[in-house]
Amino acid sequence: MAPRPSSSAVARSRATVTRDAHAEEAPALVPIAMPAAASSYAELRGHLNGRVLLHLTINGQGQVTTAAISESSGDAVLDAHGLSTVRGWRFAVPADHPNGLSGELSMRFDADEAVARSSL
């Protein structure tokens, strides 16, 4: 069994989308289910600390339909782990966005933390 991003991911939502010259605040990406991705410790060994900024598109059911790296951690293994982890998550969908939403999610992985949590 793989440790939770040895074992920690702190996900912070930053959902600001610029549509034109004026920046508009989009609804925050709020995780409501965050199952751990299946990764072995051997795969993640030496790749357990860093921050990756992801751009996510969420459908009306709260599922991730697309995930891409907006800002790399500088570690390709950690970036890939962030992507695979978040693809299984579910997000809250605001009533005024029935078709879903998109935004950026910052994930911090810290080998010294024991529990995965979301800090919004």
N, C-alpha and C. Protein backbone atom coordinates (compact mmCIF):
# COMPACT_ATOMS: atom_id res chain seq x y z
N MET A 1 0.84 -1.17 0.00
CA MET A 1 0.00 0.00 0.00
C MET A 1 0.88 1.23 0.00
N ALA A 2 0.59 2.18 -0.85
CA ALA A 2 1.39 3.38 -0.97
C ALA A 2 1.04 4.37 0.12
N PRO A 3 2.02 5.09 0.60
CA PRO A 3 1.72 6.13 1.57
C PRO A 3 0.99 7.26 0.87
N ARG A 4 0.20 8.00 1.61
CA ARG A 4 -0.43 9.19 1.03
C ARG A 4 0.69 10.17 0.79
N PRO A 5 0.82 10.73 -0.40
CA PRO A 5 1.97 11.47 -0.88
C PRO A 5 3.03 11.67 0.18
N SER A 6 3.53 10.60 0.58
CA SER A 6 4.39 10.30 1.72
C SER A 6 4.12 11.27 2.82
N SER A 7 3.19 11.28 3.12
CA SER A 7 1.81 10.98 2.83
C SER A 7 0.99 12.23 2.77
N SER A 8 1.45 13.26 2.26
CA SER A 8 0.70 14.49 2.44
C SER A 8 0.59 15.32 1.18
N ALA A 9 -0.59 15.78 0.95
CA ALA A 9 -0.81 16.78 -0.09
C ALA A 9 -1.66 17.86 0.55
N VAL A 10 -1.19 19.05 0.52
CA VAL A 10 -2.01 20.16 0.98
C VAL A 10 -2.47 20.86 -0.27
N ALA A 11 -3.76 20.82 -0.49
CA ALA A 11 -4.31 21.42 -1.70
C ALA A 11 -4.88 22.77 -1.36
N ARG A 12 -4.48 23.75 -2.07
CA ARG A 12 -4.96 25.08 -1.85
C ARG A 12 -5.58 25.57 -3.16
N SER A 13 -6.77 26.09 -3.09
CA SER A 13 -7.46 26.51 -4.30
C SER A 13 -7.13 27.96 -4.62
N ARG A 14 -6.81 28.20 -5.87
CA ARG A 14 -6.61 29.55 -6.35
C ARG A 14 -7.31 29.61 -7.68
N ALA A 15 -8.57 30.03 -7.67
CA ALA A 15 -9.39 29.96 -8.87
C ALA A 15 -9.69 31.35 -9.42
N THR A 16 -8.69 32.04 -9.86
CA THR A 16 -8.88 33.34 -10.47
C THR A 16 -8.70 33.17 -11.97
N VAL A 17 -9.70 33.55 -12.74
CA VAL A 17 -9.67 33.39 -14.18
C VAL A 17 -9.78 34.77 -14.82
N THR A 18 -8.89 35.08 -15.73
CA THR A 18 -8.96 36.36 -16.43
C THR A 18 -9.65 36.14 -17.76
N ARG A 19 -10.77 36.84 -17.98
CA ARG A 19 -11.53 36.68 -19.21
C ARG A 19 -11.26 37.82 -20.19
N ASP A 20 -10.94 38.98 -19.68
CA ASP A 20 -10.60 40.11 -20.52
C ASP A 20 -9.65 41.00 -19.73
N ALA A 21 -9.67 42.30 -19.93
CA ALA A 21 -8.77 43.19 -19.22
C ALA A 21 -9.09 43.25 -17.72
N HIS A 22 -10.31 42.86 -17.33
CA HIS A 22 -10.71 42.88 -15.93
C HIS A 22 -10.69 41.46 -15.38
N ALA A 23 -10.00 41.28 -14.24
CA ALA A 23 -9.94 39.96 -13.62
C ALA A 23 -11.26 39.69 -12.90
N GLU A 24 -11.79 38.51 -13.10
CA GLU A 24 -13.03 38.07 -12.46
C GLU A 24 -12.72 36.94 -11.51
N GLU A 25 -13.35 36.94 -10.36
CA GLU A 25 -13.17 35.83 -9.42
C GLU A 25 -14.10 34.70 -9.82
N ALA A 26 -13.54 33.56 -10.06
CA ALA A 26 -14.32 32.36 -10.35
C ALA A 26 -14.56 31.66 -9.01
N PRO A 27 -15.57 30.81 -8.93
CA PRO A 27 -15.78 30.07 -7.69
C PRO A 27 -14.53 29.24 -7.35
N ALA A 28 -14.26 29.11 -6.07
CA ALA A 28 -13.11 28.33 -5.62
C ALA A 28 -13.32 26.85 -5.92
N LEU A 29 -12.24 26.16 -6.21
CA LEU A 29 -12.27 24.71 -6.37
C LEU A 29 -12.20 24.10 -4.97
N VAL A 30 -13.30 23.51 -4.54
CA VAL A 30 -13.39 22.96 -3.19
C VAL A 30 -13.50 21.44 -3.26
N PRO A 31 -12.43 20.72 -2.88
CA PRO A 31 -12.49 19.26 -2.90
C PRO A 31 -13.47 18.74 -1.85
N ILE A 32 -14.30 17.75 -2.25
CA ILE A 32 -15.23 17.14 -1.29
C ILE A 32 -14.92 15.66 -1.09
N ALA A 33 -14.13 15.08 -1.97
CA ALA A 33 -13.67 13.69 -1.83
C ALA A 33 -12.26 13.64 -2.40
N MET A 34 -11.31 13.17 -1.57
CA MET A 34 -9.91 13.16 -1.97
C MET A 34 -9.25 11.81 -1.72
N PRO A 35 -9.68 10.78 -2.46
CA PRO A 35 -9.02 9.48 -2.27
C PRO A 35 -7.56 9.54 -2.71
N ALA A 36 -6.72 8.79 -2.02
CA ALA A 36 -5.30 8.75 -2.35
C ALA A 36 -5.08 8.02 -3.67
N ALA A 37 -4.12 8.50 -4.45
CA ALA A 37 -3.75 7.83 -5.69
C ALA A 37 -2.94 6.58 -5.36
N ALA A 38 -3.04 5.58 -6.21
CA ALA A 38 -2.28 4.35 -6.01
C ALA A 38 -0.86 4.55 -6.52
N SER A 39 0.07 4.72 -5.61
CA SER A 39 1.49 4.84 -5.95
C SER A 39 2.28 4.09 -4.90
N SER A 40 3.32 3.46 -5.32
CA SER A 40 4.14 2.75 -4.34
C SER A 40 5.18 3.71 -3.78
N TYR A 41 5.64 3.41 -2.59
CA TYR A 41 6.67 4.22 -1.97
C TYR A 41 7.92 4.25 -2.85
N ALA A 42 8.22 3.12 -3.48
CA ALA A 42 9.41 3.04 -4.33
C ALA A 42 9.33 4.04 -5.49
N GLU A 43 8.13 4.21 -6.04
CA GLU A 43 7.95 5.16 -7.14
C GLU A 43 8.17 6.60 -6.70
N LEU A 44 7.80 6.90 -5.45
CA LEU A 44 7.85 8.27 -4.96
C LEU A 44 9.10 8.59 -4.15
N ARG A 45 9.88 7.60 -3.84
CA ARG A 45 11.07 7.81 -3.02
C ARG A 45 11.96 8.89 -3.64
N GLY A 46 12.26 9.90 -2.84
CA GLY A 46 13.07 11.01 -3.32
C GLY A 46 12.28 12.06 -4.07
N HIS A 47 10.97 11.88 -4.18
CA HIS A 47 10.12 12.82 -4.91
C HIS A 47 8.93 13.22 -4.04
N LEU A 48 9.17 13.50 -2.78
CA LEU A 48 8.06 13.67 -1.86
C LEU A 48 7.85 15.09 -1.35
N ASN A 49 8.63 16.03 -1.80
CA ASN A 49 8.49 17.41 -1.34
C ASN A 49 8.40 18.35 -2.53
N GLY A 50 7.42 19.23 -2.51
CA GLY A 50 7.31 20.23 -3.55
C GLY A 50 5.90 20.73 -3.72
N ARG A 51 5.75 21.67 -4.62
CA ARG A 51 4.46 22.29 -4.91
C ARG A 51 4.24 22.27 -6.41
N VAL A 52 3.04 21.88 -6.81
CA VAL A 52 2.67 21.88 -8.22
C VAL A 52 1.35 22.63 -8.35
N LEU A 53 1.24 23.48 -9.35
CA LEU A 53 0.01 24.22 -9.62
C LEU A 53 -0.67 23.56 -10.81
N LEU A 54 -1.90 23.11 -10.59
CA LEU A 54 -2.66 22.40 -11.62
C LEU A 54 -3.81 23.25 -12.12
N HIS A 55 -4.11 23.14 -13.41
CA HIS A 55 -5.31 23.75 -13.97
C HIS A 55 -6.31 22.62 -14.18
N LEU A 56 -7.49 22.76 -13.55
CA LEU A 56 -8.50 21.71 -13.60
C LEU A 56 -9.78 22.19 -14.24
N THR A 57 -10.44 21.28 -14.95
CA THR A 57 -11.80 21.50 -15.44
C THR A 57 -12.66 20.47 -14.74
N ILE A 58 -13.73 20.94 -14.11
CA ILE A 58 -14.62 20.11 -13.32
C ILE A 58 -15.98 20.09 -14.01
N ASN A 59 -16.59 18.91 -14.17
CA ASN A 59 -17.91 18.84 -14.80
C ASN A 59 -19.01 19.10 -13.78
N GLY A 60 -20.25 19.08 -14.21
CA GLY A 60 -21.39 19.36 -13.34
C GLY A 60 -21.58 18.37 -12.22
N GLN A 61 -20.96 17.20 -12.30
CA GLN A 61 -21.04 16.19 -11.24
C GLN A 61 -19.85 16.29 -10.26
N GLY A 62 -18.98 17.26 -10.50
CA GLY A 62 -17.84 17.45 -9.61
C GLY A 62 -16.61 16.64 -9.96
N GLN A 63 -16.65 15.93 -11.09
CA GLN A 63 -15.52 15.09 -11.50
C GLN A 63 -14.52 15.90 -12.33
N VAL A 64 -13.25 15.57 -12.19
CA VAL A 64 -12.20 16.22 -12.97
C VAL A 64 -12.26 15.67 -14.39
N THR A 65 -12.48 16.55 -15.37
CA THR A 65 -12.50 16.12 -16.77
C THR A 65 -11.17 16.38 -17.45
N THR A 66 -10.48 17.43 -17.05
CA THR A 66 -9.12 17.67 -17.55
C THR A 66 -8.26 18.21 -16.42
N ALA A 67 -7.01 17.81 -16.45
CA ALA A 67 -6.02 18.28 -15.47
C ALA A 67 -4.73 18.51 -16.22
N ALA A 68 -4.12 19.65 -15.99
CA ALA A 68 -2.86 19.98 -16.66
C ALA A 68 -1.97 20.74 -15.69
N ILE A 69 -0.68 20.69 -15.94
CA ILE A 69 0.29 21.42 -15.11
C ILE A 69 0.29 22.88 -15.54
N SER A 70 0.00 23.77 -14.59
CA SER A 70 0.12 25.21 -14.85
C SER A 70 1.50 25.70 -14.44
N GLU A 71 2.02 25.14 -13.34
CA GLU A 71 3.35 25.49 -12.86
C GLU A 71 3.98 24.24 -12.27
N SER A 72 5.04 23.81 -12.85
CA SER A 72 5.71 22.58 -12.44
C SER A 72 6.40 22.73 -11.09
N SER A 73 6.51 21.63 -10.40
CA SER A 73 7.28 21.58 -9.15
C SER A 73 8.77 21.54 -9.46
N GLY A 74 9.10 21.25 -10.72
CA GLY A 74 10.49 21.05 -11.11
C GLY A 74 10.90 19.59 -11.03
N ASP A 75 9.96 18.75 -10.59
CA ASP A 75 10.20 17.31 -10.45
C ASP A 75 9.11 16.59 -11.24
N ALA A 76 9.47 16.00 -12.36
CA ALA A 76 8.49 15.36 -13.25
C ALA A 76 7.71 14.24 -12.55
N VAL A 77 8.36 13.50 -11.64
CA VAL A 77 7.67 12.42 -10.92
C VAL A 77 6.61 13.01 -9.99
N LEU A 78 6.95 14.08 -9.28
CA LEU A 78 5.99 14.72 -8.38
C LEU A 78 4.85 15.35 -9.16
N ASP A 79 5.15 15.98 -10.29
CA ASP A 79 4.10 16.56 -11.14
C ASP A 79 3.12 15.48 -11.59
N ALA A 80 3.65 14.35 -12.06
CA ALA A 80 2.79 13.25 -12.52
C ALA A 80 1.96 12.69 -11.37
N HIS A 81 2.55 12.62 -10.18
CA HIS A 81 1.82 12.14 -9.02
C HIS A 81 0.69 13.10 -8.66
N GLY A 82 0.94 14.40 -8.74
CA GLY A 82 -0.10 15.39 -8.49
C GLY A 82 -1.26 15.24 -9.46
N LEU A 83 -0.94 15.06 -10.73
CA LEU A 83 -1.99 14.87 -11.75
C LEU A 83 -2.79 13.60 -11.49
N SER A 84 -2.12 12.49 -11.23
CA SER A 84 -2.84 11.24 -11.02
C SER A 84 -3.67 11.28 -9.74
N THR A 85 -3.18 11.97 -8.73
CA THR A 85 -3.92 12.09 -7.47
C THR A 85 -5.21 12.86 -7.66
N VAL A 86 -5.13 14.01 -8.28
CA VAL A 86 -6.29 14.89 -8.38
C VAL A 86 -7.35 14.37 -9.36
N ARG A 87 -6.95 13.54 -10.30
CA ARG A 87 -7.93 13.01 -11.26
C ARG A 87 -9.01 12.16 -10.60
N GLY A 88 -8.73 11.60 -9.43
CA GLY A 88 -9.71 10.80 -8.71
C GLY A 88 -10.54 11.59 -7.70
N TRP A 89 -10.25 12.86 -7.55
CA TRP A 89 -10.97 13.68 -6.57
C TRP A 89 -12.31 14.14 -7.12
N ARG A 90 -13.19 14.53 -6.22
CA ARG A 90 -14.47 15.17 -6.58
C ARG A 90 -14.51 16.53 -5.93
N PHE A 91 -15.15 17.48 -6.63
CA PHE A 91 -15.23 18.86 -6.17
C PHE A 91 -16.67 19.32 -6.04
N ALA A 92 -16.87 20.29 -5.16
CA ALA A 92 -18.19 20.90 -5.00
C ALA A 92 -18.47 21.72 -6.25
N VAL A 93 -19.71 21.66 -6.72
CA VAL A 93 -20.11 22.44 -7.89
C VAL A 93 -21.17 23.44 -7.42
N PRO A 94 -20.87 24.73 -7.51
CA PRO A 94 -21.84 25.73 -7.06
C PRO A 94 -23.12 25.68 -7.89
N ALA A 95 -24.23 26.00 -7.26
CA ALA A 95 -25.53 25.96 -7.93
C ALA A 95 -25.57 26.87 -9.15
N ASP A 96 -24.81 27.96 -9.12
CA ASP A 96 -24.82 28.89 -10.26
C ASP A 96 -23.85 28.47 -11.38
N HIS A 97 -23.24 27.29 -11.25
CA HIS A 97 -22.36 26.72 -12.28
C HIS A 97 -22.75 25.26 -12.53
N PRO A 98 -23.99 24.99 -12.94
CA PRO A 98 -24.45 23.60 -13.07
C PRO A 98 -23.67 22.77 -14.08
N ASN A 99 -22.99 23.40 -15.02
CA ASN A 99 -22.21 22.67 -16.02
C ASN A 99 -20.76 22.48 -15.61
N GLY A 100 -20.41 22.93 -14.41
CA GLY A 100 -19.05 22.78 -13.93
C GLY A 100 -18.29 24.09 -13.91
N LEU A 101 -16.99 23.97 -13.68
CA LEU A 101 -16.15 25.15 -13.57
C LEU A 101 -14.71 24.75 -13.82
N SER A 102 -13.83 25.73 -13.87
CA SER A 102 -12.41 25.44 -14.01
C SER A 102 -11.64 26.45 -13.19
N GLY A 103 -10.42 26.10 -12.87
CA GLY A 103 -9.57 26.98 -12.09
C GLY A 103 -8.27 26.30 -11.77
N GLU A 104 -7.49 26.93 -10.90
CA GLU A 104 -6.19 26.41 -10.54
C GLU A 104 -6.20 25.91 -9.11
N LEU A 105 -5.46 24.83 -8.91
CA LEU A 105 -5.36 24.20 -7.60
C LEU A 105 -3.89 24.00 -7.28
N SER A 106 -3.45 24.54 -6.18
CA SER A 106 -2.07 24.38 -5.74
C SER A 106 -1.99 23.18 -4.81
N MET A 107 -1.11 22.24 -5.11
CA MET A 107 -0.92 21.06 -4.27
C MET A 107 0.49 21.08 -3.71
N ARG A 108 0.60 20.98 -2.39
CA ARG A 108 1.91 20.91 -1.75
C ARG A 108 2.09 19.52 -1.17
N PHE A 109 3.20 18.91 -1.49
CA PHE A 109 3.55 17.59 -0.98
C PHE A 109 4.69 17.77 0.01
N ASP A 110 4.51 17.20 1.19
CA ASP A 110 5.51 17.34 2.24
C ASP A 110 5.72 15.99 2.91
N ALA A 111 6.89 15.44 2.77
CA ALA A 111 7.18 14.11 3.31
C ALA A 111 7.09 14.07 4.82
N ASP A 112 7.21 15.23 5.48
CA ASP A 112 7.17 15.27 6.94
C ASP A 112 5.74 15.28 7.49
N GLU A 113 4.75 15.57 6.66
CA GLU A 113 3.36 15.59 7.11
C GLU A 113 2.82 14.17 7.11
N ALA A 114 1.94 13.85 8.02
CA ALA A 114 1.41 12.49 8.13
C ALA A 114 0.03 12.32 7.52
N VAL A 115 -0.69 13.41 7.27
CA VAL A 115 -2.07 13.32 6.82
C VAL A 115 -2.29 14.23 5.62
N ALA A 116 -3.03 13.75 4.64
CA ALA A 116 -3.38 14.59 3.49
C ALA A 116 -4.53 15.48 3.91
N ARG A 117 -4.47 16.76 3.56
CA ARG A 117 -5.54 17.66 3.92
C ARG A 117 -5.67 18.75 2.88
N SER A 118 -6.79 19.38 2.87
CA SER A 118 -7.04 20.50 1.97
C SER A 118 -7.11 21.76 2.81
N SER A 119 -6.39 22.76 2.42
CA SER A 119 -6.42 24.03 3.13
C SER A 119 -6.87 25.09 2.15
N LEU A 120 -8.07 25.58 2.35
CA LEU A 120 -8.64 26.54 1.40
C LEU A 120 -8.56 27.95 1.89
